[in-house]
Amino acid sequence: MRKLTLLCGLLPSVSMAFCFDEAGAYYNVSPDLLRSIAQVESSLNPNAYNENRDQYGNVKSRDFGLMQINSSWFSRLAEFNVNESNIYDPCFNVSLGAWVLSANFASHGYNWNSVGAYNAGFSKRTENARKIYIQKVQNVYFSQHVK
């Protein structure tokens, strides 16, 4: 019975690992980098939800799931039939995040600036936010690789 309980506790981690590996392979993005982004974005919580508000408290956009996919991407992700229900599926969400990151790499190169743009975009006015985000992701990423 103890072995079964332990196995059931490990299965979500194993299946989630598969999601990162599969999405990484499909979009030619490091699964470890995807995991690091998910750790920074949602603390690996597949049900994470966040509202982004303007200075008056009005909701500008929403972030969903492991990779905190922003609702502003929904129109560009229409071909994937993204909606507020399926966005929480862990593998689908990781795949969407990998798509966003690979689009950044395709447009601006395979570099840390493209990783920072995952969260803050490429505009000059968000440069500081991009740098802060890069540092957060690097801290997680490199802590996984230093053994």
C-alpha atoms as a PDB file:
ATOM      1  CA  MET A   1       0.000   0.000   0.000  1.00  0.00           C
ATOM      2  CA  ARG A   2       2.837   2.414   0.819  1.00  0.00           C
ATOM      3  CA  LYS A   3       4.408   1.771  -2.594  1.00  0.00           C
ATOM      4  CA  LEU A   4       1.106   2.516  -4.348  1.00  0.00           C
ATOM      5  CA  THR A   5       0.693   5.768  -2.413  1.00  0.00           C
ATOM      6  CA  LEU A   6       4.252   6.787  -3.278  1.00  0.00           C
ATOM      7  CA  LEU A   7       3.735   5.912  -6.939  1.00  0.00           C
ATOM      8  CA  CYS A   8       0.503   7.932  -7.136  1.00  0.00           C
ATOM      9  CA  GLY A   9       2.300  10.891  -5.616  1.00  0.00           C
ATOM     10  CA  LEU A  10       5.002  10.677  -8.262  1.00  0.00           C
ATOM     11  CA  LEU A  11       2.789  10.230 -11.320  1.00  0.00           C
ATOM     12  CA  PRO A  12       1.800  13.878 -11.751  1.00  0.00           C
ATOM     13  CA  SER A  13       5.488  14.842 -11.740  1.00  0.00           C
ATOM     14  CA  VAL A  14       6.347  12.099 -14.210  1.00  0.00           C
ATOM     15  CA  SER A  15       3.514  13.012 -16.564  1.00  0.00           C
ATOM     16  CA  MET A  16       4.352  16.707 -16.300  1.00  0.00           C
ATOM     17  CA  ALA A  17       8.011  15.923 -17.102  1.00  0.00           C
ATOM     18  CA  PHE A  18       6.804  14.190 -20.242  1.00  0.00           C
ATOM     19  CA  CYS A  19       4.896  17.340 -21.216  1.00  0.00           C
ATOM     20  CA  PHE A  20       8.025  19.485 -21.014  1.00  0.00           C
ATOM     21  CA  ASP A  21      10.088  16.927 -22.915  1.00  0.00           C
ATOM     22  CA  GLU A  22       7.467  16.501 -25.635  1.00  0.00           C
ATOM     23  CA  ALA A  23       6.865  20.241 -26.135  1.00  0.00           C
ATOM     24  CA  GLY A  24      10.592  20.953 -26.052  1.00  0.00           C
ATOM     25  CA  ALA A  25      11.285  18.355 -28.733  1.00  0.00           C
ATOM     26  CA  TYR A  26       8.424  19.550 -30.943  1.00  0.00           C
ATOM     27  CA  TYR A  27       9.351  23.255 -30.756  1.00  0.00           C
ATOM     28  CA  ASN A  28      13.127  22.754 -30.479  1.00  0.00           C
ATOM     29  CA  VAL A  29      13.261  24.406 -27.059  1.00  0.00           C
ATOM     30  CA  SER A  30      15.115  23.090 -24.021  1.00  0.00           C
ATOM     31  CA  PRO A  31      12.691  21.193 -21.745  1.00  0.00           C
ATOM     32  CA  ASP A  32      14.763  22.396 -18.776  1.00  0.00           C
ATOM     33  CA  LEU A  33      14.272  25.987 -19.896  1.00  0.00           C
ATOM     34  CA  LEU A  34      10.520  25.400 -20.214  1.00  0.00           C
ATOM     35  CA  ARG A  35      10.471  23.889 -16.698  1.00  0.00           C
ATOM     36  CA  SER A  36      12.394  26.893 -15.373  1.00  0.00           C
ATOM     37  CA  ILE A  37       9.910  29.296 -16.939  1.00  0.00           C
ATOM     38  CA  ALA A  38       6.994  27.324 -15.475  1.00  0.00           C
ATOM     39  CA  GLN A  39       8.654  27.418 -12.056  1.00  0.00           C
ATOM     40  CA  VAL A  40       9.050  31.201 -12.262  1.00  0.00           C
ATOM     41  CA  GLU A  41       5.608  31.782 -13.791  1.00  0.00           C
ATOM     42  CA  SER A  42       3.402  29.516 -11.668  1.00  0.00           C
ATOM     43  CA  SER A  43       5.565  27.595  -9.186  1.00  0.00           C
ATOM     44  CA  LEU A  44       4.557  24.583 -11.341  1.00  0.00           C
ATOM     45  CA  ASN A  45       0.884  25.032 -10.458  1.00  0.00           C
ATOM     46  CA  PRO A  46      -1.247  23.863 -13.426  1.00  0.00           C
ATOM     47  CA  ASN A  47      -4.245  25.787 -12.031  1.00  0.00           C
ATOM     48  CA  ALA A  48      -2.433  29.116 -11.609  1.00  0.00           C
ATOM     49  CA  TYR A  49      -4.430  32.189 -12.593  1.00  0.00           C
ATOM     50  CA  ASN A  50      -3.468  35.839 -12.548  1.00  0.00           C
ATOM     51  CA  GLU A  51      -5.150  39.072 -13.568  1.00  0.00           C
ATOM     52  CA  ASN A  52      -3.084  41.965 -14.909  1.00  0.00           C
ATOM     53  CA  ARG A  53      -4.627  45.317 -14.076  1.00  0.00           C
ATOM     54  CA  ASP A  54      -4.063  48.848 -15.272  1.00  0.00           C
ATOM     55  CA  GLN A  55      -3.496  51.824 -12.970  1.00  0.00           C
ATOM     56  CA  TYR A  56      -7.276  52.151 -12.437  1.00  0.00           C
ATOM     57  CA  GLY A  57      -7.760  48.536 -11.392  1.00  0.00           C
ATOM     58  CA  ASN A  58      -9.322  47.390 -14.659  1.00  0.00           C
ATOM     59  CA  VAL A  59      -8.330  43.920 -15.863  1.00  0.00           C
ATOM     60  CA  LYS A  60      -6.126  44.275 -18.974  1.00  0.00           C
ATOM     61  CA  SER A  61      -5.361  40.598 -19.464  1.00  0.00           C
ATOM     62  CA  ARG A  62      -5.307  37.247 -17.698  1.00  0.00           C
ATOM     63  CA  ASP A  63      -2.617  34.574 -17.307  1.00  0.00           C
ATOM     64  CA  PHE A  64      -3.476  30.867 -17.227  1.00  0.00           C
ATOM     65  CA  GLY A  65      -1.884  27.615 -16.112  1.00  0.00           C
ATOM     66  CA  LEU A  66       1.650  26.308 -15.681  1.00  0.00           C
ATOM     67  CA  MET A  67       3.199  28.632 -18.250  1.00  0.00           C
ATOM     68  CA  GLN A  68       0.874  31.552 -17.406  1.00  0.00           C
ATOM     69  CA  ILE A  69      -0.289  31.932 -20.999  1.00  0.00           C
ATOM     70  CA  ASN A  70      -1.522  35.491 -21.373  1.00  0.00           C
ATOM     71  CA  SER A  71      -4.977  36.042 -22.848  1.00  0.00           C
ATOM     72  CA  SER A  72      -3.485  38.557 -25.282  1.00  0.00           C
ATOM     73  CA  TRP A  73      -2.080  35.535 -27.173  1.00  0.00           C
ATOM     74  CA  PHE A  74      -5.511  33.945 -27.690  1.00  0.00           C
ATOM     75  CA  SER A  75      -6.160  35.528 -31.092  1.00  0.00           C
ATOM     76  CA  ARG A  76      -2.762  34.367 -32.402  1.00  0.00           C
ATOM     77  CA  LEU A  77      -3.358  30.932 -30.882  1.00  0.00           C
ATOM     78  CA  ALA A  78      -6.825  30.558 -32.453  1.00  0.00           C
ATOM     79  CA  GLU A  79      -5.589  27.754 -34.720  1.00  0.00           C
ATOM     80  CA  PHE A  80      -5.041  25.688 -31.549  1.00  0.00           C
ATOM     81  CA  ASN A  81      -8.634  26.287 -30.349  1.00  0.00           C
ATOM     82  CA  VAL A  82      -7.443  27.854 -27.102  1.00  0.00           C
ATOM     83  CA  ASN A  83     -10.129  28.704 -24.580  1.00  0.00           C
ATOM     84  CA  GLU A  84     -10.412  29.249 -20.835  1.00  0.00           C
ATOM     85  CA  SER A  85     -11.197  25.549 -20.278  1.00  0.00           C
ATOM     86  CA  ASN A  86      -8.475  23.711 -22.198  1.00  0.00           C
ATOM     87  CA  ILE A  87      -5.794  26.262 -21.297  1.00  0.00           C
ATOM     88  CA  TYR A  88      -5.438  24.536 -17.907  1.00  0.00           C
ATOM     89  CA  ASP A  89      -4.537  21.158 -19.412  1.00  0.00           C
ATOM     90  CA  PRO A  90      -0.871  20.876 -18.337  1.00  0.00           C
ATOM     91  CA  CYS A  91       0.541  19.408 -21.556  1.00  0.00           C
ATOM     92  CA  PHE A  92      -1.477  21.760 -23.768  1.00  0.00           C
ATOM     93  CA  ASN A  93      -0.402  24.732 -21.652  1.00  0.00           C
ATOM     94  CA  VAL A  94       3.289  23.765 -21.795  1.00  0.00           C
ATOM     95  CA  SER A  95       2.987  23.285 -25.544  1.00  0.00           C
ATOM     96  CA  LEU A  96       1.514  26.782 -25.900  1.00  0.00           C
ATOM     97  CA  GLY A  97       4.337  28.211 -23.791  1.00  0.00           C
ATOM     98  CA  ALA A  98       6.895  26.418 -25.956  1.00  0.00           C
ATOM     99  CA  TRP A  99       5.196  27.867 -29.040  1.00  0.00           C
ATOM    100  CA  VAL A 100       5.441  31.402 -27.615  1.00  0.00           C
ATOM    101  CA  LEU A 101       9.092  30.932 -26.667  1.00  0.00           C
ATOM    102  CA  SER A 102      10.014  29.402 -30.023  1.00  0.00           C
ATOM    103  CA  ALA A 103       8.322  32.344 -31.778  1.00  0.00           C
ATOM    104  CA  ASN A 104      10.524  34.685 -29.723  1.00  0.00           C
ATOM    105  CA  PHE A 105      13.616  32.693 -30.702  1.00  0.00           C
ATOM    106  CA  ALA A 106      12.591  32.726 -34.368  1.00  0.00           C
ATOM    107  CA  SER A 107      12.072  36.484 -34.417  1.00  0.00           C
ATOM    108  CA  HIS A 108      14.912  37.677 -32.157  1.00  0.00           C
ATOM    109  CA  GLY A 109      17.394  34.815 -31.864  1.00  0.00           C
ATOM    110  CA  TYR A 110      18.054  32.014 -29.423  1.00  0.00           C
ATOM    111  CA  ASN A 111      19.195  34.191 -26.502  1.00  0.00           C
ATOM    112  CA  TRP A 112      18.276  35.295 -23.000  1.00  0.00           C
ATOM    113  CA  ASN A 113      16.623  38.461 -24.298  1.00  0.00           C
ATOM    114  CA  SER A 114      14.081  36.258 -26.095  1.00  0.00           C
ATOM    115  CA  VAL A 115      13.497  34.396 -22.828  1.00  0.00           C
ATOM    116  CA  GLY A 116      12.911  37.703 -21.023  1.00  0.00           C
ATOM    117  CA  ALA A 117      10.435  38.707 -23.707  1.00  0.00           C
ATOM    118  CA  TYR A 118       8.334  35.656 -22.800  1.00  0.00           C
ATOM    119  CA  ASN A 119       7.193  37.715 -19.832  1.00  0.00           C
ATOM    120  CA  ALA A 120       7.885  41.332 -20.753  1.00  0.00           C
ATOM    121  CA  GLY A 121       7.840  41.558 -24.543  1.00  0.00           C
ATOM    122  CA  PHE A 122      10.504  43.162 -26.699  1.00  0.00           C
ATOM    123  CA  SER A 123       9.659  46.855 -26.363  1.00  0.00           C
ATOM    124  CA  LYS A 124      12.294  49.301 -25.153  1.00  0.00           C
ATOM    125  CA  ARG A 125      10.060  50.468 -22.294  1.00  0.00           C
ATOM    126  CA  THR A 126       9.933  46.934 -20.817  1.00  0.00           C
ATOM    127  CA  GLU A 127      13.697  46.400 -20.943  1.00  0.00           C
ATOM    128  CA  ASN A 128      14.117  46.549 -17.154  1.00  0.00           C
ATOM    129  CA  ALA A 129      11.270  44.069 -16.561  1.00  0.00           C
ATOM    130  CA  ARG A 130      12.818  41.792 -19.179  1.00  0.00           C
ATOM    131  CA  LYS A 131      16.189  41.877 -17.384  1.00  0.00           C
ATOM    132  CA  ILE A 132      14.573  41.071 -14.026  1.00  0.00           C
ATOM    133  CA  TYR A 133      12.681  38.156 -15.572  1.00  0.00           C
ATOM    134  CA  ILE A 134      15.840  36.834 -17.250  1.00  0.00           C
ATOM    135  CA  GLN A 135      17.588  36.805 -13.863  1.00  0.00           C
ATOM    136  CA  LYS A 136      14.713  34.889 -12.250  1.00  0.00           C
ATOM    137  CA  VAL A 137      14.677  32.252 -14.982  1.00  0.00           C
ATOM    138  CA  GLN A 138      18.468  31.953 -14.989  1.00  0.00           C
ATOM    139  CA  ASN A 139      18.486  31.443 -11.218  1.00  0.00           C
ATOM    140  CA  VAL A 140      16.108  28.492 -11.552  1.00  0.00           C
ATOM    141  CA  TYR A 141      17.680  27.128 -14.729  1.00  0.00           C
ATOM    142  CA  PHE A 142      21.262  27.190 -13.473  1.00  0.00           C
ATOM    143  CA  SER A 143      20.330  25.842 -10.034  1.00  0.00           C
ATOM    144  CA  GLN A 144      18.942  22.759 -11.828  1.00  0.00           C
ATOM    145  CA  HIS A 145      22.188  22.268 -13.731  1.00  0.00           C
ATOM    146  CA  VAL A 146      24.673  22.725 -10.891  1.00  0.00           C
ATOM    147  CA  LYS A 147      24.995  19.398  -9.149  1.00  0.00           C
END
